[in-house]
Each structure stands twice: as structure tokens, then as C-alpha cells.
Amino acid sequence: MELGGGSTTVAIFHEGKLRHTASLRFAGGHVTSDLVHGLQVTQADAERIKARWGAAYEPLVSADEVIELPPVPAGGLRQAPRRLVAHIMHMRLQEMLELAYDEVGRAGWAMAGLPGGMILSGGASAAPGMVELARDVFAAPVRRGIPADGLRGLTDRVASPDCSVVVGLALYGARQVALGGGFGGGGRSSPAMGRVLAPVRRWLQDIF
């Protein structure tokens, strides 16, 4: 399940093959909008609050924690329970997960038939407690997809859930080229294209 800022996508894999995909109507941007209205803050402030104080699973946050909110015109500093932030996020993210669960059922699958469980990716999946919330909704194994294997160089720049799909596609494409499969055409390419791709293939083999 890819939880991005502007879209949420569900993909079902079984026995190494993609079986179903769907796009849901809610995404991480809706969580930010909920915080804007619930806390009476700007979009930019809501993003900062979400990143610093946010939590996807309300029980993880102590009822005693209080955070400072940006002041409003003609007003002083404001405070709010951190659990209010968690509650707002929990409700919206739970709704998104429940929509994903329903989509799996509509596609004719059950989590019991998907022993690999669920992998979360995308920026919204990085919120603390997201794995715990997803486990509650799906009653199945859940983990974050964080790219790590097969990477070199500035790996810390991409070792986060919001980069997992992009990195995965890049690695898949690189390995296809390195193995001589190319893209499309059933793995066949012209001799001229083979000569062009040969140096690239050797370079990718050295990297991966």
C-alpha cells in the first residue's frame, strides 16, 4: 500500500505476480487538511506539526503531553494536547486503511490468502504508529517498505518509505537491463541496440 501525499494505491501481489491495483480517494494530503481545520493552523504549520508531533496510532501518545501551536492574529500562544493531533491523524488514516481492506475483498482476495501480509510505503506510512494501526485493521503481518538492499552511495537519502517505490522500480529496471532483458519486446532487442546498451549493462552489473 503506497500512501503518498496526493494519492493512495493498493497493489496485490501473489506468487510473485501483480494481481490487482486500485487507487483510493484519500491520501496523506487529507491528513494535513484535517489538521488545518482541527487545530486552526495554516497548511505549512500543519505539515510541521504532523512531522514533529504526529502519530498514526492514538494509544501511543500520552494524555499528558501538550504541544504549542502557532499564535493567531490578535491572540497569544496556544496549546493543544498532543493526543488531539494523534486522534485527528488516527481517524483519517484508519479510514484509508479500511478502504484498502475493503478493496482487497472486492478484488476477491482475503488477507489469509496473502501470507506475506502488507507492506506500507509512501511518506504517510512513516508516521509513528502506522504499522500498529495497520495491524489492527488488517489483522495481518505489516511492515514498512524501506529500500536498503542493492544500494550504494548516498543511501541515507533514499532509505525511507517515501522513496521505496521509486527505488524499487529503478532497481528492477537496472537488473532487467543488466541481465539482458531490457524493457518490453519479450526481452528481444536489435543488434544495434545491444551494442548501445552493452556499456550500460556492464556498468549496472558493477553497481548491482
Protein backbone atom coordinates (compact mmCIF):
# COMPACT_ATOMS: atom_id res chain seq x y z
CA MET A 1 0.00 0.00 0.00
CA GLU A 2 1.55 3.27 -1.18
CA LEU A 3 0.38 6.21 0.94
CA GLY A 4 1.53 9.33 -0.83
CA GLY A 5 0.64 12.95 -0.29
CA GLY A 6 -1.67 13.15 -3.28
CA SER A 7 -2.70 9.56 -3.92
CA THR A 8 -3.00 6.17 -2.26
CA THR A 9 -2.52 2.99 -4.24
CA VAL A 10 -3.21 -0.62 -3.32
CA ALA A 11 -1.38 -3.38 -5.19
CA ILE A 12 -1.90 -7.09 -4.58
CA PHE A 13 0.98 -9.46 -5.33
CA HIS A 14 0.62 -13.23 -5.19
CA GLU A 15 3.23 -15.81 -6.11
CA GLY A 16 5.49 -13.11 -7.49
CA LYS A 17 2.90 -11.60 -9.83
CA LEU A 18 0.87 -8.41 -9.71
CA ARG A 19 -2.78 -9.45 -9.44
CA HIS A 20 -4.69 -6.23 -8.78
CA THR A 21 -4.20 -2.47 -8.41
CA ALA A 22 -6.54 0.28 -7.26
CA SER A 23 -6.36 3.95 -6.37
CA LEU A 24 -8.16 5.25 -3.28
CA ARG A 25 -9.78 8.64 -2.91
CA PHE A 26 -7.91 9.70 0.25
CA ALA A 27 -4.20 10.36 0.71
CA GLY A 28 -1.70 11.97 3.06
CA GLY A 29 -2.77 15.44 1.98
CA HIS A 30 -6.18 14.82 3.54
CA VAL A 31 -4.48 14.19 6.89
CA THR A 32 -2.83 17.60 6.64
CA SER A 33 -6.15 19.24 5.73
CA ASP A 34 -7.79 17.63 8.75
CA LEU A 35 -5.09 19.11 10.98
CA VAL A 36 -5.58 22.53 9.40
CA HIS A 37 -9.27 22.51 10.31
CA GLY A 38 -8.95 20.69 13.62
CA LEU A 39 -6.14 22.84 15.02
CA GLN A 40 -6.93 26.09 13.18
CA VAL A 41 -3.45 26.40 11.71
CA THR A 42 -2.04 27.07 8.25
CA GLN A 43 -1.17 24.32 5.78
CA ALA A 44 2.54 24.87 6.35
CA ASP A 45 2.14 24.75 10.13
CA ALA A 46 0.02 21.61 9.86
CA GLU A 47 2.80 19.90 7.90
CA ARG A 48 5.36 20.87 10.54
CA ILE A 49 3.12 19.70 13.39
CA LYS A 50 2.46 16.41 11.60
CA ALA A 51 6.17 15.81 11.06
CA ARG A 52 7.24 16.73 14.60
CA TRP A 53 4.32 15.70 16.81
CA GLY A 54 2.19 13.46 14.65
CA ALA A 55 1.27 9.87 15.39
CA ALA A 56 -0.95 7.49 13.46
CA TYR A 57 -1.93 5.40 16.48
CA GLU A 58 -3.57 7.37 19.26
CA PRO A 59 -2.84 4.90 22.11
CA LEU A 60 0.90 5.52 21.64
CA VAL A 61 0.57 9.14 22.82
CA SER A 62 0.32 10.06 26.48
CA ALA A 63 -2.75 12.02 27.53
CA ASP A 64 -0.46 14.38 29.50
CA GLU A 65 1.58 15.65 26.54
CA VAL A 66 0.90 19.22 25.44
CA ILE A 67 2.29 20.99 22.38
CA GLU A 68 2.46 24.66 21.45
CA LEU A 69 0.52 25.85 18.43
CA PRO A 70 1.37 28.90 16.31
CA PRO A 71 -0.32 32.07 17.57
CA VAL A 72 -3.32 33.50 15.77
CA PRO A 73 -3.79 37.21 14.92
CA ALA A 74 -4.75 39.24 17.99
CA GLY A 75 -4.01 36.24 20.17
CA GLY A 76 -1.15 34.81 22.17
CA LEU A 77 0.47 31.42 22.19
CA ARG A 78 -1.86 28.46 22.06
CA GLN A 79 -1.54 24.94 23.33
CA ALA A 80 -3.21 21.66 22.48
CA PRO A 81 -2.97 18.09 23.73
CA ARG A 82 -0.64 16.12 21.51
CA ARG A 83 -3.21 13.38 21.68
CA LEU A 84 -5.59 15.63 19.72
CA VAL A 85 -3.09 15.62 16.85
CA ALA A 86 -2.83 11.84 17.11
CA HIS A 87 -6.62 11.48 17.23
CA ILE A 88 -7.11 13.52 14.05
CA MET A 89 -4.44 11.55 12.22
CA HIS A 90 -5.61 8.20 13.59
CA MET A 91 -9.18 8.71 12.38
CA ARG A 92 -8.24 9.66 8.82
CA LEU A 93 -5.51 7.05 8.42
CA GLN A 94 -7.76 4.34 9.82
CA GLU A 95 -10.38 5.30 7.24
CA MET A 96 -7.79 4.99 4.48
CA LEU A 97 -6.68 1.58 5.72
CA GLU A 98 -10.27 0.37 5.96
CA LEU A 99 -10.87 1.45 2.36
CA ALA A 100 -7.79 -0.54 1.36
CA TYR A 101 -9.05 -3.56 3.30
CA ASP A 102 -12.41 -3.33 1.52
CA GLU A 103 -10.63 -3.05 -1.83
CA VAL A 104 -8.73 -6.27 -1.17
CA GLY A 105 -12.05 -8.00 -0.52
CA ARG A 106 -13.68 -6.52 -3.63
CA ALA A 107 -10.80 -7.86 -5.69
CA GLY A 108 -11.65 -11.36 -4.49
CA TRP A 109 -8.80 -11.76 -2.03
CA ALA A 110 -8.52 -12.23 1.72
CA MET A 111 -5.53 -11.41 3.88
CA ALA A 112 -5.40 -15.07 4.91
CA GLY A 113 -4.58 -15.87 1.29
CA LEU A 114 -1.75 -13.32 1.22
CA PRO A 115 0.76 -14.77 3.69
CA GLY A 116 3.28 -12.02 3.01
CA GLY A 117 0.95 -9.59 4.77
CA MET A 118 1.05 -5.90 3.99
CA ILE A 119 3.95 -3.63 3.09
CA LEU A 120 3.47 0.10 3.64
CA SER A 121 5.30 2.69 1.58
CA GLY A 122 4.98 6.38 0.85
CA GLY A 123 5.54 9.40 3.06
CA ALA A 124 2.35 8.98 5.10
CA SER A 125 3.41 5.48 6.15
CA ALA A 126 6.37 6.95 8.06
CA ALA A 127 4.11 8.34 10.80
CA PRO A 128 4.83 6.72 14.18
CA GLY A 129 2.28 4.03 14.94
CA MET A 130 1.28 3.44 11.32
CA VAL A 131 2.35 -0.19 11.44
CA GLU A 132 0.40 -0.78 14.67
CA LEU A 133 -2.72 0.83 13.21
CA ALA A 134 -2.49 -1.23 10.02
CA ARG A 135 -2.11 -4.43 12.05
CA ASP A 136 -5.31 -3.59 13.91
CA VAL A 137 -7.23 -3.01 10.68
CA PHE A 138 -5.86 -5.90 8.60
CA ALA A 139 -5.22 -8.44 11.37
CA ALA A 140 -2.16 -9.50 9.37
CA PRO A 141 1.63 -9.01 9.38
CA VAL A 142 2.56 -5.43 8.45
CA ARG A 143 5.90 -3.75 7.86
CA ARG A 144 7.26 -0.61 6.24
CA GLY A 145 8.99 -0.94 2.91
CA ILE A 146 12.35 0.79 3.29
CA PRO A 147 14.87 0.44 0.45
CA ALA A 148 18.22 -0.91 1.59
CA ASP A 149 19.42 -3.99 -0.30
CA GLY A 150 21.35 -3.46 -3.51
CA LEU A 151 22.06 0.22 -2.92
CA ARG A 152 25.35 2.08 -2.81
CA GLY A 153 26.37 5.68 -2.44
CA LEU A 154 24.17 8.18 -0.60
CA THR A 155 21.77 5.51 0.63
CA ASP A 156 20.66 7.61 3.60
CA ARG A 157 18.95 9.98 1.15
CA VAL A 158 16.58 7.27 -0.08
CA ALA A 159 16.35 4.92 2.92
CA SER A 160 12.80 5.97 3.79
CA PRO A 161 9.30 4.73 2.90
CA ASP A 162 8.58 7.68 0.60
CA CYS A 163 11.38 6.52 -1.74
CA SER A 164 10.67 2.79 -1.67
CA VAL A 165 8.55 2.56 -4.83
CA VAL A 166 10.84 4.78 -6.90
CA VAL A 167 13.97 2.93 -5.76
CA GLY A 168 12.29 -0.43 -6.29
CA LEU A 169 11.34 0.44 -9.86
CA ALA A 170 14.85 1.74 -10.56
CA LEU A 171 16.44 -1.44 -9.18
CA TYR A 172 14.04 -3.63 -11.14
CA GLY A 173 14.77 -1.77 -14.37
CA ALA A 174 18.50 -1.79 -13.74
CA ARG A 175 18.54 -5.52 -13.13
CA GLN A 176 16.44 -6.18 -16.23
CA VAL A 177 18.95 -4.28 -18.34
CA ALA A 178 21.94 -5.84 -16.58
CA LEU A 179 20.54 -9.32 -17.20
CA GLY A 180 19.91 -8.54 -20.86
CA GLY A 181 16.13 -8.46 -20.58
CA GLY A 182 15.65 -4.83 -21.50
CA PHE A 183 12.15 -3.36 -21.34
CA GLY A 184 9.29 -4.79 -23.32
CA GLY A 185 9.53 -6.71 -26.55
CA GLY A 186 9.77 -10.03 -24.73
CA GLY A 187 13.43 -9.42 -23.92
CA ARG A 188 14.48 -9.16 -27.60
CA SER A 189 16.45 -6.23 -28.95
CA SER A 190 18.21 -5.43 -32.18
CA PRO A 191 21.99 -5.95 -32.55
CA ALA A 192 22.42 -2.18 -32.80
CA MET A 193 20.51 -1.63 -29.56
CA GLY A 194 22.57 -4.39 -27.95
CA ARG A 195 25.78 -2.56 -28.83
CA VAL A 196 24.39 0.67 -27.39
CA LEU A 197 23.26 -0.98 -24.16
CA ALA A 198 26.34 -3.15 -23.62
CA PRO A 199 28.39 -0.49 -21.77
CA VAL A 200 25.36 0.47 -19.69
CA ARG A 201 24.73 -3.18 -18.86
CA ARG A 202 28.32 -3.69 -17.70
CA TRP A 203 28.15 -0.53 -15.61
CA LEU A 204 24.92 -1.64 -13.94
CA GLN A 205 26.36 -5.09 -13.26
CA ASP A 206 29.28 -3.44 -11.47
CA ILE A 207 26.89 -1.42 -9.31
CA PHE A 208 24.23 -4.02 -8.54
